[in-house]
C-alpha cells in the first residue's frame, strides 16, 4: 500500500475519514444501502468500549435486558411527538409468513415504546421503583445521507430506560448517566467535550429535556456523542404506567432514557487520526502493542522468535493487549506502515543485534523518540510509553478544541466565518425560534444551551439573552 494512498487530511477531511475507516479494516460497505459491516478490528474496539461502559451501567444500579426488534406500529403512535419525530426514518414490515400482517411492525428506531409497554406490566407500586433497565442492541433509522459509524441505516448502541417515583430522582438519573458518558469519552477516548442541553427543536422527540455532550472534530464540525433524556411523565400517561403511591393514590412515574452508539468509533477516528491513519487512544486500543521481529536470515530466526514470544507472554500476563506480527511475507517497513495505519499506540522492534545485546527498541504511533530498552525493563517501558501517548493525544485534542472554539456576540459577524471555516461559537440567544432558524442560513445549528449566561443579548435580534449557546455545523 502506497504511503500516499490516503486523501489529504487538511484539504479533504471527509474523504480522508472514509478511506481511513475502510483501509484500517474498521469496517466495510454492506450490500444494503447505508449499512456497514463492522470488521473484527472495529468490533474489538466496540467490545472494549462496551465492557467499560457496561461496568459503569451495572455499578450505578442498572440491569441488562433484551427487548424485541419488532414493535407494533400503534405503539409509536401513542406518543404524538415521538412518532412525528421518527416517522421519516422508520422501516416498516408489512408482510411476513407469506401474507400481509394485520398490523404493520416497525423495526425499532429506539425502544421507549416497547419498553414502556412492559414497564406498565411490571410497575404497580412505589416499591417497584426505581426500575433501571439497559439493553445493548441494534436499531434501524432510514437515513438519507450516510457515513460509516457516524450515520448509518443500522447501528449498534446501548439504550438505558428508567422509571422513578419523583421528578428529582429522574433528573438525578439523567445527569448521573451523562456524567458516566463524559468519564468514558474524556478519560478513555481522550476526547474533550462541551456539555449542555438541547434546544426545543433539537431535543429527542417526546422528551421534556435532552442533555447532550458535543465533541468538536479536527475539521471544526460538531459531533453529538451521546444524549440523556428526561422524559418526565408523557410516556407514562401514553402507555398507562401507573402505580400505587405511598399514600395510596394512583401516580405516574417519571421516566428517563439515555444512550451512546458506535458513533463513538467515528469520533475516535476523526479526533485523533493523522495523515498516516488511525491514532488509537491506548486505553481503548484493541491492540496496544505490536511486536515486530526483524529477521536478517534463517540462522537468527529461531532465537529472535524465542525472545519475542517471551516478551509477548510477559505483556499479556500484565494485561496488555499485544500482537506478535511474525509474518514473513512483508518487509519490516511495510509492517510499520500497516500498523501505523491501524493506529497501534506502541511498537516493539527486535532484530538479531537487539537479541545479542539483550534489548528491544520501543517506538510509538506519535513518532516520539525511539528508545533502546533492556529486555528486563520492557514492561515498565511499555506501560510508561502507553501513558505518555495517552497524555499527548489528550493534550493535542484539547488544543484542537481551543483552536476551533470562539466567542462572539453577533451572528452577522461570525456567521460568514463559520459558514466558510467551521468552528464552534459561544454566543447569546433569546430562545426565539425565529432567531434559531437564522443559524441554518450558515449551515449551522444550536448544538447545546450552556448553564452559564455571559452574553447579555441575543446574537441575532439583540434582545435579552436567556442562555449562552454553542453554534456550529454538525455531522
Protein backbone atom coordinates (compact mmCIF):
# COMPACT_ATOMS: atom_id res chain seq x y z
CA UNK A 1 0.00 0.00 0.00
CA UNK A 2 1.39 3.37 -1.01
CA UNK A 3 2.04 5.85 1.74
CA UNK A 4 0.31 8.47 -0.41
CA UNK A 5 -2.89 6.44 -0.71
CA UNK A 6 -4.84 8.38 1.92
CA UNK A 7 -6.50 11.65 0.88
CA UNK A 8 -5.05 14.79 2.39
CA UNK A 9 -6.45 15.25 5.88
CA UNK A 10 -6.13 19.03 5.69
CA UNK A 11 -7.85 19.60 2.35
CA UNK A 12 -10.24 16.62 2.07
CA UNK A 13 -11.16 15.61 5.59
CA UNK A 14 -14.36 13.83 4.56
CA UNK A 15 -12.68 11.53 2.04
CA UNK A 16 -9.75 11.01 4.39
CA UNK A 17 -12.18 9.82 7.05
CA UNK A 18 -13.90 7.32 4.77
CA UNK A 19 -10.63 5.90 3.48
CA UNK A 20 -9.13 5.54 6.95
CA UNK A 21 -12.19 3.64 8.16
CA UNK A 22 -12.03 1.20 5.25
CA UNK A 23 -8.26 0.85 4.81
CA UNK A 24 -7.61 0.31 8.51
CA UNK A 25 -10.19 -2.53 8.43
CA UNK A 26 -12.54 -0.97 10.96
CA UNK A 27 -15.47 -1.53 8.59
CA UNK A 28 -16.54 -2.31 5.05
CA UNK A 29 -19.58 -1.42 2.97
CA UNK A 30 -22.54 -3.81 3.16
CA UNK A 31 -24.83 -4.81 0.26
CA UNK A 32 -27.73 -2.82 1.80
CA UNK A 33 -27.62 0.93 1.19
CA UNK A 34 -26.35 2.89 4.19
CA UNK A 35 -25.25 -0.18 6.14
CA UNK A 36 -21.74 -1.24 7.06
CA UNK A 37 -20.07 -4.45 8.16
CA UNK A 38 -18.08 -3.82 11.31
CA UNK A 39 -14.94 -5.87 10.81
CA UNK A 40 -13.12 -7.68 13.64
CA UNK A 41 -10.74 -4.77 14.34
CA UNK A 42 -13.63 -2.31 14.57
CA UNK A 43 -15.77 -4.70 16.57
CA UNK A 44 -12.92 -5.33 19.02
CA UNK A 45 -12.86 -1.57 19.63
CA UNK A 46 -16.64 -1.57 20.21
CA UNK A 47 -16.32 -4.52 22.60
CA UNK A 48 -13.76 -2.62 24.68
CA UNK A 49 -16.00 0.46 24.85
CA UNK A 50 -18.92 -1.80 25.66
CA UNK A 51 -17.10 -3.58 28.50
CA UNK A 52 -16.05 -0.30 30.15
CA UNK A 53 -19.49 1.26 29.86
CA UNK A 54 -21.35 -1.91 30.81
CA UNK A 55 -19.43 -2.00 34.08
CA UNK A 56 -20.36 1.63 34.74
CA UNK A 57 -24.01 0.92 33.97
CA UNK A 58 -24.16 -2.02 36.36
CA UNK A 59 -22.25 -0.20 39.09
CA UNK A 60 -24.89 2.57 39.02
CA UNK A 61 -27.68 0.08 39.72
CA UNK A 62 -28.94 -0.85 36.26
CA UNK A 63 -29.64 -4.32 34.90
CA UNK A 64 -29.34 -5.54 31.32
CA UNK A 65 -32.30 -6.96 29.45
CA UNK A 66 -33.29 -7.61 25.84
CA UNK A 67 -36.42 -6.40 24.08
CA UNK A 68 -37.82 -7.32 20.64
CA UNK A 69 -36.54 -5.82 17.42
CA UNK A 70 -40.09 -5.54 16.05
CA UNK A 71 -42.53 -3.03 17.56
CA UNK A 72 -46.27 -2.73 16.75
CA UNK A 73 -46.70 0.48 14.76
CA UNK A 74 -49.55 1.52 17.06
CA UNK A 75 -47.06 1.71 19.96
CA UNK A 76 -45.18 4.57 18.31
CA UNK A 77 -48.43 6.40 17.62
CA UNK A 78 -49.32 6.56 21.32
CA UNK A 79 -46.90 9.46 21.95
CA UNK A 80 -47.59 12.15 19.34
CA UNK A 81 -44.24 13.99 19.44
CA UNK A 82 -42.36 10.69 19.40
CA UNK A 83 -43.97 9.30 16.25
CA UNK A 84 -43.74 12.68 14.50
CA UNK A 85 -40.03 12.87 15.23
CA UNK A 86 -39.25 9.38 13.93
CA UNK A 87 -41.75 8.89 11.09
CA UNK A 88 -39.38 9.83 8.23
CA UNK A 89 -36.77 7.34 9.48
CA UNK A 90 -38.99 4.31 10.10
CA UNK A 91 -38.55 0.96 8.38
CA UNK A 92 -41.90 -0.87 8.43
CA UNK A 93 -42.61 -4.60 7.96
CA UNK A 94 -46.00 -5.15 6.28
CA UNK A 95 -45.69 -8.78 5.13
CA UNK A 96 -44.44 -11.89 6.92
CA UNK A 97 -45.05 -15.62 6.66
CA UNK A 98 -46.28 -15.19 3.11
CA UNK A 99 -49.15 -12.86 3.95
CA UNK A 100 -49.96 -9.29 4.89
CA UNK A 101 -49.78 -8.53 8.60
CA UNK A 102 -52.90 -7.36 10.42
CA UNK A 103 -50.82 -4.59 11.97
CA UNK A 104 -47.55 -3.29 10.48
CA UNK A 105 -44.43 -3.76 12.59
CA UNK A 106 -41.71 -1.15 12.92
CA UNK A 107 -38.07 -2.18 13.11
CA UNK A 108 -37.03 -0.35 16.25
CA UNK A 109 -35.50 3.10 15.77
CA UNK A 110 -35.37 3.25 19.59
CA UNK A 111 -37.15 1.21 22.25
CA UNK A 112 -39.01 3.65 24.51
CA UNK A 113 -42.41 2.45 23.34
CA UNK A 114 -41.98 -1.29 23.72
CA UNK A 115 -40.04 -0.96 26.97
CA UNK A 116 -42.67 1.34 28.43
CA UNK A 117 -45.36 -1.15 27.43
CA UNK A 118 -43.52 -3.68 29.59
CA UNK A 119 -42.99 -1.16 32.39
CA UNK A 120 -46.78 -0.83 32.54
CA UNK A 121 -46.97 -4.55 33.37
CA UNK A 122 -44.09 -4.56 35.85
CA UNK A 123 -44.76 -1.40 37.87
CA UNK A 124 -47.75 -1.48 40.22
CA UNK A 125 -46.43 0.03 43.47
CA UNK A 126 -43.94 2.62 44.62
CA UNK A 127 -41.99 -0.37 45.94
CA UNK A 128 -41.24 -1.36 42.31
CA UNK A 129 -39.31 1.88 41.81
CA UNK A 130 -36.79 2.84 40.70
CA UNK A 131 -36.79 0.43 37.76
CA UNK A 132 -33.49 0.76 35.89
CA UNK A 133 -33.06 -1.23 32.68
CA UNK A 134 -30.41 -1.17 29.94
CA UNK A 135 -30.09 -3.06 26.68
CA UNK A 136 -27.31 -3.47 24.13
CA UNK A 137 -28.95 -3.66 20.73
CA UNK A 138 -29.06 -2.73 17.07
CA UNK A 139 -31.56 -0.19 15.70
CA UNK A 140 -32.62 0.97 12.24
CA UNK A 141 -33.18 4.56 11.11
CA UNK A 142 -33.62 5.10 7.38
CA UNK A 143 -31.10 7.89 6.93
CA UNK A 144 -30.93 9.81 3.65
CA UNK A 145 -27.22 10.60 3.87
CA UNK A 146 -24.98 8.03 5.47
CA UNK A 147 -21.35 7.85 6.54
CA UNK A 148 -19.61 4.89 8.21
CA UNK A 149 -20.10 4.88 12.00
CA UNK A 150 -21.31 8.50 12.08
CA UNK A 151 -24.70 7.97 10.46
CA UNK A 152 -25.76 4.55 9.16
CA UNK A 153 -29.11 2.92 8.45
CA UNK A 154 -28.41 0.28 11.10
CA UNK A 155 -26.15 0.87 14.07
CA UNK A 156 -25.23 -0.62 17.44
CA UNK A 157 -25.86 1.12 20.73
CA UNK A 158 -26.87 0.83 24.33
CA UNK A 159 -30.10 2.38 25.49
CA UNK A 160 -30.99 2.82 29.14
CA UNK A 161 -34.56 3.26 30.32
CA UNK A 162 -35.56 4.05 33.88
CA UNK A 163 -38.68 4.85 35.92
CA UNK A 164 -38.66 6.88 39.16
CA UNK A 165 -41.00 7.89 41.91
CA UNK A 166 -40.12 11.60 41.80
CA UNK A 167 -39.09 14.19 39.23
CA UNK A 168 -35.89 14.90 41.18
CA UNK A 169 -34.84 11.25 41.04
CA UNK A 170 -35.35 11.21 37.27
CA UNK A 171 -33.35 14.40 36.88
CA UNK A 172 -30.54 13.00 39.03
CA UNK A 173 -30.55 9.81 36.94
CA UNK A 174 -30.24 11.67 33.64
CA UNK A 175 -27.34 13.78 34.92
CA UNK A 176 -25.66 10.73 36.51
CA UNK A 177 -25.59 8.82 33.24
CA UNK A 178 -24.41 11.84 31.28
CA UNK A 179 -21.50 12.08 33.72
CA UNK A 180 -20.70 8.39 33.19
CA UNK A 181 -20.58 9.00 29.44
CA UNK A 182 -18.35 12.02 29.91
CA UNK A 183 -15.93 9.97 32.02
CA UNK A 184 -15.79 7.30 29.31
CA UNK A 185 -15.25 9.72 26.45
CA UNK A 186 -12.84 12.15 28.10
CA UNK A 187 -10.75 9.70 30.12
CA UNK A 188 -10.71 6.66 27.83
CA UNK A 189 -11.30 8.07 24.34
CA UNK A 190 -9.29 11.24 25.16
CA UNK A 191 -11.92 13.49 23.55
CA UNK A 192 -12.72 16.80 25.31
CA UNK A 193 -16.42 17.60 25.46
CA UNK A 194 -18.84 20.50 25.64
CA UNK A 195 -21.88 19.62 27.73
CA UNK A 196 -25.29 21.27 27.85
CA UNK A 197 -28.91 20.70 26.90
CA UNK A 198 -30.63 20.69 23.54
CA UNK A 199 -32.98 23.41 22.32
CA UNK A 200 -36.67 22.57 21.92
CA UNK A 201 -36.23 21.92 18.21
CA UNK A 202 -33.14 19.74 18.65
CA UNK A 203 -34.20 17.65 21.65
CA UNK A 204 -35.28 13.99 21.50
CA UNK A 205 -38.82 13.52 20.18
CA UNK A 206 -41.11 13.30 23.21
CA UNK A 207 -38.58 14.36 25.85
CA UNK A 208 -39.01 17.23 28.30
CA UNK A 209 -35.24 17.83 28.36
CA UNK A 210 -32.34 16.36 26.40
CA UNK A 211 -28.86 16.61 27.92
CA UNK A 212 -26.04 16.34 25.42
CA UNK A 213 -22.28 16.23 25.04
CA UNK A 214 -20.66 17.57 21.90
CA UNK A 215 -17.18 17.00 20.55
CA UNK A 216 -15.53 19.35 18.06
CA UNK A 217 -13.70 17.32 15.45
CA UNK A 218 -10.44 18.19 13.67
CA UNK A 219 -12.27 19.96 10.85
CA UNK A 220 -14.17 22.19 13.29
CA UNK A 221 -17.55 20.46 12.96
CA UNK A 222 -19.51 19.30 16.00
CA UNK A 223 -20.39 15.68 16.67
CA UNK A 224 -23.07 14.72 19.17
CA UNK A 225 -21.51 11.87 21.13
CA UNK A 226 -24.36 10.87 23.38
CA UNK A 227 -27.56 12.08 24.99
CA UNK A 228 -29.53 11.62 28.20
CA UNK A 229 -33.24 12.43 28.20
CA UNK A 230 -35.62 13.45 30.95
CA UNK A 231 -38.90 12.12 29.57
CA UNK A 232 -40.94 13.14 32.60
CA UNK A 233 -44.46 11.63 32.57
CA UNK A 234 -45.71 11.97 28.98
CA UNK A 235 -44.75 8.40 28.02
CA UNK A 236 -46.08 7.12 31.36
CA UNK A 237 -49.53 8.55 30.60
CA UNK A 238 -49.39 7.36 26.98
CA UNK A 239 -48.60 3.78 27.98
CA UNK A 240 -50.63 3.61 31.17
CA UNK A 241 -47.67 3.21 33.52
CA UNK A 242 -49.19 3.92 36.94
CA UNK A 243 -48.56 2.78 40.48
CA UNK A 244 -49.98 2.99 43.95
CA UNK A 245 -48.15 5.77 45.76
CA UNK A 246 -47.07 5.84 49.38
CA UNK A 247 -50.36 7.48 50.34
CA UNK A 248 -52.50 5.04 48.38
CA UNK A 249 -53.12 7.40 45.45
CA UNK A 250 -52.64 6.49 41.78
CA UNK A 251 -49.46 8.11 40.47
CA UNK A 252 -47.37 8.10 37.32
CA UNK A 253 -43.59 7.54 37.29
CA UNK A 254 -41.02 9.97 35.92
CA UNK A 255 -39.03 8.37 33.10
CA UNK A 256 -35.59 8.75 31.54
CA UNK A 257 -33.70 7.28 28.62
CA UNK A 258 -30.07 7.63 27.55
CA UNK A 259 -27.67 6.14 25.03
CA UNK A 260 -24.43 6.14 23.08
CA UNK A 261 -23.70 4.38 19.80
CA UNK A 262 -20.97 3.08 17.51
CA UNK A 263 -20.65 6.74 16.51
CA UNK A 264 -18.01 6.81 19.26
CA UNK A 265 -15.75 4.84 16.92
CA UNK A 266 -16.11 7.52 14.28
CA UNK A 267 -15.28 10.15 16.88
CA UNK A 268 -12.02 8.39 17.73
CA UNK A 269 -11.08 8.31 14.05
CA UNK A 270 -11.87 11.99 13.45
CA UNK A 271 -10.44 13.37 16.68
CA UNK A 272 -7.07 11.62 16.78
CA UNK A 273 -6.23 10.41 13.26
CA UNK A 274 -3.50 11.89 11.07
CA UNK A 275 -2.09 11.56 7.59
CA UNK A 276 -0.76 8.07 8.40
CA UNK A 277 -4.17 6.80 9.52
CA UNK A 278 -5.71 5.99 12.88
CA UNK A 279 -4.27 7.01 16.22
CA UNK A 280 -5.81 4.75 18.84
CA UNK A 281 -6.16 6.02 22.43
CA UNK A 282 -4.16 3.43 24.44
CA UNK A 283 -6.92 2.74 26.96
CA UNK A 284 -9.36 1.52 24.32
CA UNK A 285 -6.95 0.32 21.60
CA UNK A 286 -7.77 -3.27 20.52
CA UNK A 287 -4.02 -3.77 20.15
CA UNK A 288 -1.95 -1.64 22.50
CA UNK A 289 1.44 -3.04 21.50
CA UNK A 290 2.60 -4.70 18.29
CA UNK A 291 5.86 -6.68 18.32
CA UNK A 292 7.75 -6.86 15.05
CA UNK A 293 10.68 -9.28 14.84
CA UNK A 294 13.21 -8.30 12.19
CA UNK A 295 14.77 -11.33 10.55
CA UNK A 296 18.05 -10.92 8.69
CA UNK A 297 18.30 -14.60 7.81
CA UNK A 298 17.15 -18.06 8.83
CA UNK A 299 20.09 -18.52 11.19
CA UNK A 300 18.79 -15.96 13.70
CA UNK A 301 15.08 -16.56 13.21
CA UNK A 302 14.58 -19.12 15.97
CA UNK A 303 16.49 -17.06 18.55
CA UNK A 304 14.51 -13.92 17.71
CA UNK A 305 11.19 -15.76 17.84
CA UNK A 306 12.01 -17.21 21.25
CA UNK A 307 12.74 -13.71 22.58
CA UNK A 308 9.66 -12.01 21.10
CA UNK A 309 7.35 -14.82 22.25
CA UNK A 310 8.73 -14.42 25.76
CA UNK A 311 8.07 -10.65 25.59
CA UNK A 312 4.57 -11.29 24.23
CA UNK A 313 3.77 -13.63 27.12
CA UNK A 314 5.09 -11.18 29.72
CA UNK A 315 2.99 -8.34 28.34
CA UNK A 316 -0.13 -10.49 28.06
CA UNK A 317 0.24 -11.67 31.65
CA UNK A 318 0.40 -8.00 32.68
CA UNK A 319 -2.97 -7.40 30.98
CA UNK A 320 -1.62 -5.57 27.94
CA UNK A 321 -3.31 -6.22 24.60
CA UNK A 322 -0.41 -7.29 22.41
CA UNK A 323 0.01 -8.76 18.92
CA UNK A 324 3.10 -10.52 17.61
CA UNK A 325 3.48 -9.94 13.86
CA UNK A 326 5.81 -12.78 12.92
CA UNK A 327 4.69 -12.98 9.29
CA UNK A 328 7.47 -13.24 6.72
CA UNK A 329 5.71 -12.14 3.53
CA UNK A 330 6.17 -8.40 4.19
CA UNK A 331 9.20 -6.25 4.90
CA UNK A 332 9.58 -4.57 8.32
CA UNK A 333 8.91 -1.21 6.65
CA UNK A 334 5.62 -2.46 5.18
CA UNK A 335 4.63 -3.78 8.60
CA UNK A 336 5.45 -0.45 10.24
CA UNK A 337 3.22 1.33 7.75
CA UNK A 338 0.33 -1.14 8.16
CA UNK A 339 0.34 -0.92 11.95
CA UNK A 340 0.63 2.86 11.85
CA UNK A 341 -2.46 2.90 9.63
CA UNK A 342 -4.27 0.88 12.31
CA UNK A 343 -3.12 3.35 14.95
CA UNK A 344 -1.45 0.90 17.36
CA UNK A 345 -0.01 3.07 20.17
CA UNK A 346 3.31 1.28 20.82
CA UNK A 347 5.61 -0.77 18.58
CA UNK A 348 8.47 -3.04 19.68
CA UNK A 349 11.22 -3.93 17.21
CA UNK A 350 13.56 -6.85 17.82
CA UNK A 351 16.39 -7.78 15.45
CA UNK A 352 19.49 -10.01 15.70
CA UNK A 353 21.63 -7.26 17.22
CA UNK A 354 18.94 -6.50 19.83
CA UNK A 355 18.77 -10.17 20.81
CA UNK A 356 22.56 -10.31 21.14
CA UNK A 357 22.54 -7.20 23.33
CA UNK A 358 19.53 -8.27 25.38
CA UNK A 359 17.47 -5.22 24.41
CA UNK A 360 14.39 -4.09 22.50
CA UNK A 361 13.63 -0.93 20.50
CA UNK A 362 10.49 0.91 21.64
CA UNK A 363 8.65 3.26 19.26
CA UNK A 364 5.17 4.76 19.32
CA UNK A 365 2.43 5.94 16.97
CA UNK A 366 3.09 9.62 17.64
CA UNK A 367 6.64 9.37 16.37
CA UNK A 368 8.29 10.29 19.63
CA UNK A 369 11.95 9.37 20.07
CA UNK A 370 12.77 5.68 19.83
CA UNK A 371 14.36 4.10 22.88
CA UNK A 372 16.57 1.09 23.29
CA UNK A 373 15.42 -0.74 26.42
CA UNK A 374 16.83 -3.75 28.22
CA UNK A 375 14.55 -6.78 27.93
CA UNK A 376 14.33 -6.90 31.72
CA UNK A 377 12.75 -3.43 31.73
CA UNK A 378 10.34 -3.89 28.85
CA UNK A 379 7.10 -3.99 30.88
CA UNK A 380 7.93 -0.76 32.71
CA UNK A 381 8.94 0.89 29.44
CA UNK A 382 5.76 -0.16 27.63
CA UNK A 383 3.48 0.98 30.44
CA UNK A 384 5.32 4.29 30.58
CA UNK A 385 5.07 4.83 26.81
CA UNK A 386 1.35 3.99 26.78
CA UNK A 387 0.78 6.63 29.47
CA UNK A 388 2.80 9.18 27.50
CA UNK A 389 0.82 8.54 24.31
CA UNK A 390 -2.47 8.89 26.20
CA UNK A 391 -1.33 12.15 27.76
CA UNK A 392 -0.04 13.55 24.45
CA UNK A 393 -3.18 12.78 22.42
CA UNK A 394 -5.34 14.20 25.23
CA UNK A 395 -3.35 17.43 25.20
CA UNK A 396 -3.45 17.54 21.40
CA UNK A 397 -7.23 17.09 21.38
CA UNK A 398 -7.65 19.84 23.96
CA UNK A 399 -5.52 22.18 21.85
CA UNK A 400 -7.65 21.39 18.81
CA UNK A 401 -10.79 22.28 20.76
CA UNK A 402 -9.24 25.59 21.80
CA UNK A 403 -8.29 26.29 18.20
CA UNK A 404 -11.86 25.77 16.98
CA UNK A 405 -13.64 27.39 19.93
CA UNK A 406 -14.65 31.04 19.56
CA UNK A 407 -16.80 33.61 21.32
CA UNK A 408 -18.83 36.30 19.56
CA UNK A 409 -21.93 38.32 20.29
CA UNK A 410 -23.02 38.96 16.70
CA UNK A 411 -24.21 36.36 14.19
CA UNK A 412 -23.72 38.92 11.43
CA UNK A 413 -20.02 38.94 12.30
CA UNK A 414 -19.30 35.28 12.96
CA UNK A 415 -21.88 33.66 10.63
CA UNK A 416 -19.94 34.10 7.36
CA UNK A 417 -16.72 32.91 9.04
CA UNK A 418 -18.49 29.86 10.46
CA UNK A 419 -20.01 29.05 7.09
CA UNK A 420 -16.61 29.07 5.39
CA UNK A 421 -14.21 27.77 8.04
CA UNK A 422 -16.36 25.81 10.55
CA UNK A 423 -15.67 26.13 14.28
CA UNK A 424 -17.80 26.33 17.44
CA UNK A 425 -19.09 29.71 18.60
CA UNK A 426 -20.32 30.55 22.08
CA UNK A 427 -22.87 33.33 21.90
CA UNK A 428 -26.13 34.64 23.36
CA UNK A 429 -29.66 33.62 22.36
CA UNK A 430 -33.11 34.90 23.27
CA UNK A 431 -34.69 31.46 22.89
CA UNK A 432 -36.89 32.53 19.99
CA UNK A 433 -37.40 30.02 17.16
CA UNK A 434 -37.18 32.75 14.53
CA UNK A 435 -33.66 33.59 15.69
CA UNK A 436 -32.72 29.91 15.90
CA UNK A 437 -33.67 29.41 12.25
CA UNK A 438 -31.19 32.15 11.27
CA UNK A 439 -28.29 29.84 12.14
CA UNK A 440 -29.33 27.47 9.37
CA UNK A 441 -28.57 30.17 6.83
CA UNK A 442 -24.93 29.47 7.70
CA UNK A 443 -25.47 25.66 7.66
CA UNK A 444 -25.23 25.63 11.46
CA UNK A 445 -27.48 24.69 14.39
CA UNK A 446 -27.67 25.24 18.13
CA UNK A 447 -25.60 22.35 19.41
CA UNK A 448 -26.43 22.98 23.07
CA UNK A 449 -27.54 25.51 25.64
CA UNK A 450 -24.99 26.18 28.38
CA UNK A 451 -25.75 26.69 32.06
CA UNK A 452 -23.85 29.98 32.08
CA UNK A 453 -25.04 33.39 30.85
CA UNK A 454 -22.15 35.62 29.78
CA UNK A 455 -23.82 37.35 26.82
CA UNK A 456 -26.48 39.90 27.79
CA UNK A 457 -28.16 39.99 24.36
CA UNK A 458 -29.14 37.60 21.58
CA UNK A 459 -26.61 37.41 18.74
CA UNK A 460 -29.44 37.71 16.19
CA UNK A 461 -32.04 40.19 17.47
CA UNK A 462 -30.14 41.95 20.30
CA UNK A 463 -32.98 41.24 22.73
CA UNK A 464 -32.25 39.88 26.20
CA UNK A 465 -30.35 36.57 26.09
CA UNK A 466 -31.81 33.71 28.12
CA UNK A 467 -28.79 31.44 27.78
CA UNK A 468 -25.38 31.11 26.22
CA UNK A 469 -25.37 28.61 23.39
CA UNK A 470 -22.90 26.77 21.18
CA UNK A 471 -23.48 27.22 17.46
CA UNK A 472 -21.67 25.00 14.93
CA UNK A 473 -22.06 22.91 11.84
CA UNK A 474 -22.64 19.29 12.75
CA UNK A 475 -22.26 15.77 11.43
